[in-house]
C-alpha atoms as a PDB file:
ATOM      1  CA  MET A   1       6.024   4.061   1.979  1.00  0.00           C
ATOM      2  CA  ALA A   2       3.868   6.020   4.377  1.00  0.00           C
ATOM      3  CA  THR A   3       0.224   5.261   4.942  1.00  0.00           C
ATOM      4  CA  THR A   4      -1.639   6.378   1.838  1.00  0.00           C
ATOM      5  CA  THR A   5      -5.234   6.767   0.782  1.00  0.00           C
ATOM      6  CA  ARG A   6      -6.337   3.485  -0.703  1.00  0.00           C
ATOM      7  CA  LEU A   7      -8.062   3.522  -4.059  1.00  0.00           C
ATOM      8  CA  THR A   8     -11.228   1.503  -4.539  1.00  0.00           C
ATOM      9  CA  HIS A   9     -11.192  -1.347  -7.027  1.00  0.00           C
ATOM     10  CA  ASP A  10     -13.109   0.763  -9.558  1.00  0.00           C
ATOM     11  CA  GLU A  11     -10.684   3.676  -9.157  1.00  0.00           C
ATOM     12  CA  LYS A  12      -7.747   1.338  -9.764  1.00  0.00           C
ATOM     13  CA  ILE A  13      -9.426  -0.088 -12.878  1.00  0.00           C
ATOM     14  CA  ASN A  14     -10.067   3.418 -14.224  1.00  0.00           C
ATOM     15  CA  LYS A  15      -6.453   4.482 -13.625  1.00  0.00           C
ATOM     16  CA  LEU A  16      -5.158   1.255 -15.128  1.00  0.00           C
ATOM     17  CA  ASN A  17      -7.329   1.682 -18.228  1.00  0.00           C
ATOM     18  CA  LYS A  18      -5.817   5.144 -18.781  1.00  0.00           C
ATOM     19  CA  VAL A  19      -2.320   3.684 -18.513  1.00  0.00           C
ATOM     20  CA  ILE A  20      -3.193   0.817 -20.852  1.00  0.00           C
ATOM     21  CA  ASP A  21      -4.688   3.203 -23.421  1.00  0.00           C
ATOM     22  CA  LYS A  22      -1.265   4.889 -23.763  1.00  0.00           C
ATOM     23  CA  TYR A  23       0.320   1.602 -24.799  1.00  0.00           C
ATOM     24  CA  ARG A  24      -2.511  -0.313 -26.489  1.00  0.00           C
ATOM     25  CA  GLY A  25      -1.451  -2.258 -29.564  1.00  0.00           C
ATOM     26  CA  GLN A  26       2.280  -1.491 -29.240  1.00  0.00           C
ATOM     27  CA  GLY A  27       3.210  -5.072 -28.410  1.00  0.00           C
ATOM     28  CA  ARG A  28       6.126  -6.538 -26.532  1.00  0.00           C
ATOM     29  CA  LYS A  29       8.387  -3.446 -26.802  1.00  0.00           C
ATOM     30  CA  VAL A  30       6.311  -1.540 -24.202  1.00  0.00           C
ATOM     31  CA  LEU A  31       5.567  -4.455 -21.884  1.00  0.00           C
ATOM     32  CA  MET A  32       8.086  -3.524 -19.170  1.00  0.00           C
ATOM     33  CA  GLN A  33       6.969   0.109 -19.030  1.00  0.00           C
ATOM     34  CA  LEU A  34       3.295  -0.860 -18.939  1.00  0.00           C
ATOM     35  CA  LEU A  35       3.910  -3.401 -16.162  1.00  0.00           C
ATOM     36  CA  GLN A  36       5.812  -0.822 -14.095  1.00  0.00           C
ATOM     37  CA  GLU A  37       2.993   1.695 -14.440  1.00  0.00           C
ATOM     38  CA  ALA A  38       0.346  -0.957 -13.734  1.00  0.00           C
ATOM     39  CA  GLN A  39       2.199  -1.990 -10.579  1.00  0.00           C
ATOM     40  CA  ALA A  40       2.365   1.673  -9.530  1.00  0.00           C
ATOM     41  CA  VAL A  41      -1.443   1.766  -9.721  1.00  0.00           C
ATOM     42  CA  TYR A  42      -2.131  -1.590  -8.037  1.00  0.00           C
ATOM     43  CA  GLY A  43       0.929  -2.049  -5.864  1.00  0.00           C
ATOM     44  CA  TYR A  44       1.351  -5.515  -7.385  1.00  0.00           C
ATOM     45  CA  LEU A  45       0.306  -7.418 -10.530  1.00  0.00           C
ATOM     46  CA  PRO A  46      -2.646  -9.735  -9.895  1.00  0.00           C
ATOM     47  CA  LEU A  47      -3.941 -12.073 -12.613  1.00  0.00           C
ATOM     48  CA  GLU A  48      -6.721  -9.620 -13.507  1.00  0.00           C
ATOM     49  CA  VAL A  49      -4.118  -6.957 -14.363  1.00  0.00           C
ATOM     50  CA  GLN A  50      -1.955  -9.466 -16.240  1.00  0.00           C
ATOM     51  CA  ARG A  51      -4.929 -10.369 -18.442  1.00  0.00           C
ATOM     52  CA  MET A  52      -5.701  -6.705 -19.161  1.00  0.00           C
ATOM     53  CA  VAL A  53      -2.064  -6.023 -20.094  1.00  0.00           C
ATOM     54  CA  ALA A  54      -1.863  -9.129 -22.277  1.00  0.00           C
ATOM     55  CA  ASP A  55      -5.078  -8.218 -24.107  1.00  0.00           C
ATOM     56  CA  ALA A  56      -3.957  -4.626 -24.682  1.00  0.00           C
ATOM     57  CA  LEU A  57      -0.592  -5.662 -26.132  1.00  0.00           C
ATOM     58  CA  ASP A  58      -1.867  -8.731 -28.003  1.00  0.00           C
ATOM     59  CA  LEU A  59       0.343 -11.043 -25.947  1.00  0.00           C
ATOM     60  CA  SER A  60      -0.403 -14.235 -24.066  1.00  0.00           C
ATOM     61  CA  VAL A  61      -0.904 -14.102 -20.306  1.00  0.00           C
ATOM     62  CA  ALA A  62       1.940 -16.638 -20.087  1.00  0.00           C
ATOM     63  CA  GLU A  63       4.325 -14.134 -21.737  1.00  0.00           C
ATOM     64  CA  VAL A  64       3.285 -11.389 -19.343  1.00  0.00           C
ATOM     65  CA  TYR A  65       3.563 -13.731 -16.343  1.00  0.00           C
ATOM     66  CA  GLY A  66       7.023 -14.846 -17.520  1.00  0.00           C
ATOM     67  CA  VAL A  67       8.313 -11.270 -17.490  1.00  0.00           C
ATOM     68  CA  ILE A  68       6.746 -10.543 -14.090  1.00  0.00           C
ATOM     69  CA  THR A  69       8.286 -13.612 -12.474  1.00  0.00           C
ATOM     70  CA  PHE A  70      11.696 -13.066 -14.111  1.00  0.00           C
ATOM     71  CA  TYR A  71      12.267  -9.578 -12.721  1.00  0.00           C
ATOM     72  CA  SER A  72      12.461  -9.230  -8.942  1.00  0.00           C
ATOM     73  CA  PHE A  73      11.013  -5.704  -8.882  1.00  0.00           C
ATOM     74  CA  PHE A  74       7.624  -6.986 -10.038  1.00  0.00           C
ATOM     75  CA  SER A  75       5.340  -8.539  -7.446  1.00  0.00           C
ATOM     76  CA  LEU A  76       2.484 -11.016  -7.693  1.00  0.00           C
ATOM     77  CA  ASN A  77       1.494 -10.302  -4.091  1.00  0.00           C
ATOM     78  CA  PRO A  78       0.150  -7.096  -2.556  1.00  0.00           C
ATOM     79  CA  LYS A  79       2.520  -4.987  -0.488  1.00  0.00           C
ATOM     80  CA  GLY A  80       1.497  -3.340   2.748  1.00  0.00           C
ATOM     81  CA  ASP A  81       1.580   0.365   3.466  1.00  0.00           C
ATOM     82  CA  ASN A  82       4.430  -0.526   5.820  1.00  0.00           C
ATOM     83  CA  GLN A  83       6.908  -2.830   4.127  1.00  0.00           C
ATOM     84  CA  ILE A  84       9.042  -4.763   6.578  1.00  0.00           C
ATOM     85  CA  SER A  85      12.362  -6.181   5.392  1.00  0.00           C
ATOM     86  CA  VAL A  86      14.284  -8.407   7.762  1.00  0.00           C
ATOM     87  CA  CYS A  87      17.884  -8.864   6.695  1.00  0.00           C
ATOM     88  CA  MET A  88      18.878 -12.506   6.490  1.00  0.00           C
ATOM     89  CA  GLY A  89      22.435 -11.878   5.268  1.00  0.00           C
ATOM     90  CA  THR A  90      25.261 -13.736   6.963  1.00  0.00           C
ATOM     91  CA  ALA A  91      26.054 -11.153   9.662  1.00  0.00           C
ATOM     92  CA  CYS A  92      22.399 -10.692  10.579  1.00  0.00           C
ATOM     93  CA  TYR A  93      21.619 -14.395  10.417  1.00  0.00           C
ATOM     94  CA  VAL A  94      24.409 -15.406  12.804  1.00  0.00           C
ATOM     95  CA  LYS A  95      23.357 -12.660  15.233  1.00  0.00           C
ATOM     96  CA  GLY A  96      19.744 -13.842  15.470  1.00  0.00           C
ATOM     97  CA  ALA A  97      17.819 -12.525  12.453  1.00  0.00           C
ATOM     98  CA  GLN A  98      15.726 -15.706  12.238  1.00  0.00           C
ATOM     99  CA  ALA A  99      14.357 -15.133  15.750  1.00  0.00           C
ATOM    100  CA  VAL A 100      13.576 -11.500  14.834  1.00  0.00           C
ATOM    101  CA  LEU A 101      11.804 -12.614  11.656  1.00  0.00           C
ATOM    102  CA  ASP A 102       9.870 -15.286  13.563  1.00  0.00           C
ATOM    103  CA  LYS A 103       8.692 -12.643  16.051  1.00  0.00           C
ATOM    104  CA  VAL A 104       7.540 -10.298  13.254  1.00  0.00           C
ATOM    105  CA  ILE A 105       5.639 -13.202  11.672  1.00  0.00           C
ATOM    106  CA  SER A 106       3.961 -14.131  14.959  1.00  0.00           C
ATOM    107  CA  GLU A 107       3.074 -10.509  15.806  1.00  0.00           C
ATOM    108  CA  LEU A 108       1.464  -9.833  12.415  1.00  0.00           C
ATOM    109  CA  GLY A 109       0.000 -13.278  11.782  1.00  0.00           C
ATOM    110  CA  ILE A 110       1.330 -13.475   8.224  1.00  0.00           C
ATOM    111  CA  GLN A 111       4.222 -15.217   6.498  1.00  0.00           C
ATOM    112  CA  VAL A 112       7.088 -13.809   4.447  1.00  0.00           C
ATOM    113  CA  GLY A 113       5.738 -12.512   1.127  1.00  0.00           C
ATOM    114  CA  GLU A 114       2.250 -11.893   2.536  1.00  0.00           C
ATOM    115  CA  CYS A 115       0.297  -8.779   3.401  1.00  0.00           C
ATOM    116  CA  THR A 116      -1.972  -8.282   6.414  1.00  0.00           C
ATOM    117  CA  GLN A 117      -5.679  -8.290   5.639  1.00  0.00           C
ATOM    118  CA  ASP A 118      -5.976  -4.585   6.414  1.00  0.00           C
ATOM    119  CA  GLY A 119      -3.144  -3.823   3.960  1.00  0.00           C
ATOM    120  CA  ARG A 120      -0.985  -2.123   6.576  1.00  0.00           C
ATOM    121  CA  PHE A 121       1.985  -4.528   6.696  1.00  0.00           C
ATOM    122  CA  SER A 122       3.889  -6.914   4.465  1.00  0.00           C
ATOM    123  CA  ILE A 123       7.009  -8.921   5.288  1.00  0.00           C
ATOM    124  CA  HIS A 124      10.043  -9.551   3.114  1.00  0.00           C
ATOM    125  CA  ALA A 125      13.199 -11.472   4.028  1.00  0.00           C
ATOM    126  CA  CYS A 126      16.106  -9.908   2.151  1.00  0.00           C
ATOM    127  CA  ARG A 127      19.730 -10.899   1.668  1.00  0.00           C
ATOM    128  CA  CYS A 128      21.522  -7.736   2.851  1.00  0.00           C
ATOM    129  CA  VAL A 129      20.648  -4.133   3.666  1.00  0.00           C
ATOM    130  CA  GLY A 130      24.276  -3.045   3.983  1.00  0.00           C
ATOM    131  CA  ALA A 131      24.205  -2.397   7.725  1.00  0.00           C
ATOM    132  CA  CYS A 132      26.152  -5.419   8.893  1.00  0.00           C
ATOM    133  CA  GLY A 133      27.639  -3.547  11.855  1.00  0.00           C
ATOM    134  CA  LEU A 134      24.111  -3.184  13.258  1.00  0.00           C
ATOM    135  CA  ALA A 135      23.181  -6.857  12.874  1.00  0.00           C
ATOM    136  CA  PRO A 136      20.518  -8.099  13.127  1.00  0.00           C
ATOM    137  CA  VAL A 137      18.720  -5.435  11.104  1.00  0.00           C
ATOM    138  CA  MET A 138      15.132  -4.822  10.077  1.00  0.00           C
ATOM    139  CA  MET A 139      13.809  -2.029   7.893  1.00  0.00           C
ATOM    140  CA  ILE A 140      10.266  -0.698   7.933  1.00  0.00           C
ATOM    141  CA  ASN A 141       9.864   1.438   4.854  1.00  0.00           C
ATOM    142  CA  GLU A 142      13.042   3.589   4.959  1.00  0.00           C
ATOM    143  CA  ASN A 143      13.563   3.309   8.729  1.00  0.00           C
ATOM    144  CA  VAL A 144      16.412   1.064   9.878  1.00  0.00           C
ATOM    145  CA  TYR A 145      16.309  -0.783  13.209  1.00  0.00           C
ATOM    146  CA  GLY A 146      19.555  -2.430  14.297  1.00  0.00           C
ATOM    147  CA  ARG A 147      20.920  -4.648  17.035  1.00  0.00           C
ATOM    148  CA  LEU A 148      17.463  -6.114  17.384  1.00  0.00           C
ATOM    149  CA  THR A 149      16.159  -8.698  19.761  1.00  0.00           C
ATOM    150  CA  PRO A 150      12.780 -10.383  19.353  1.00  0.00           C
ATOM    151  CA  ASP A 151      11.386  -8.687  22.458  1.00  0.00           C
ATOM    152  CA  GLN A 152      11.802  -5.251  20.786  1.00  0.00           C
ATOM    153  CA  ILE A 153       9.528  -6.139  17.858  1.00  0.00           C
ATOM    154  CA  PRO A 154       6.094  -5.513  19.477  1.00  0.00           C
ATOM    155  CA  GLU A 155       7.064  -1.975  20.523  1.00  0.00           C
ATOM    156  CA  ILE A 156       8.509  -1.148  17.100  1.00  0.00           C
ATOM    157  CA  LEU A 157       5.435  -2.457  15.268  1.00  0.00           C
ATOM    158  CA  ALA A 158       3.133  -0.559  17.645  1.00  0.00           C
ATOM    159  CA  LYS A 159       4.492   2.757  16.278  1.00  0.00           C
ATOM    160  CA  TYR A 160       3.268   1.805  12.820  1.00  0.00           C
ATOM    161  CA  LYS A 161      -0.027   0.347  13.983  1.00  0.00           C
ATOM    162  CA  GLU A 162      -0.917   3.658  15.634  1.00  0.00           C
ATOM    163  CA  ALA A 163       0.030   5.793  12.621  1.00  0.00           C
END
């Protein structure tokens, strides 16, 4: 995901209301589609959005939350413009992925699952990116970085900080 123009809170609410109006009153059968479109607007599904969705579909917030937390493609946390995934699969782990992840965390000042305050970066530890021959591997958006060492991380992140 490249750096994008960020919508204001009011712009997000307006877009979300248009999405919700398409599905209002249709109940549980449209919940997944509405959540996907709401996440496309917000980038994640905060409690405020969950309440709006629940009200529009005449569902409880608990039902909506249950669906969000069941499916891994929904997120309760904001994602950064630059999404960093550090592979923690077996090949990467034994070749030093934890040290790479620790360096990313220290450079950005956030933990796995968090987003930087400026919204530019988020960190995810994943199980496998399918590039075991390049272990340890990190992806930033669609860009793959292999055979990493912790000392390479500042230079790699700098490219995205400047963009």
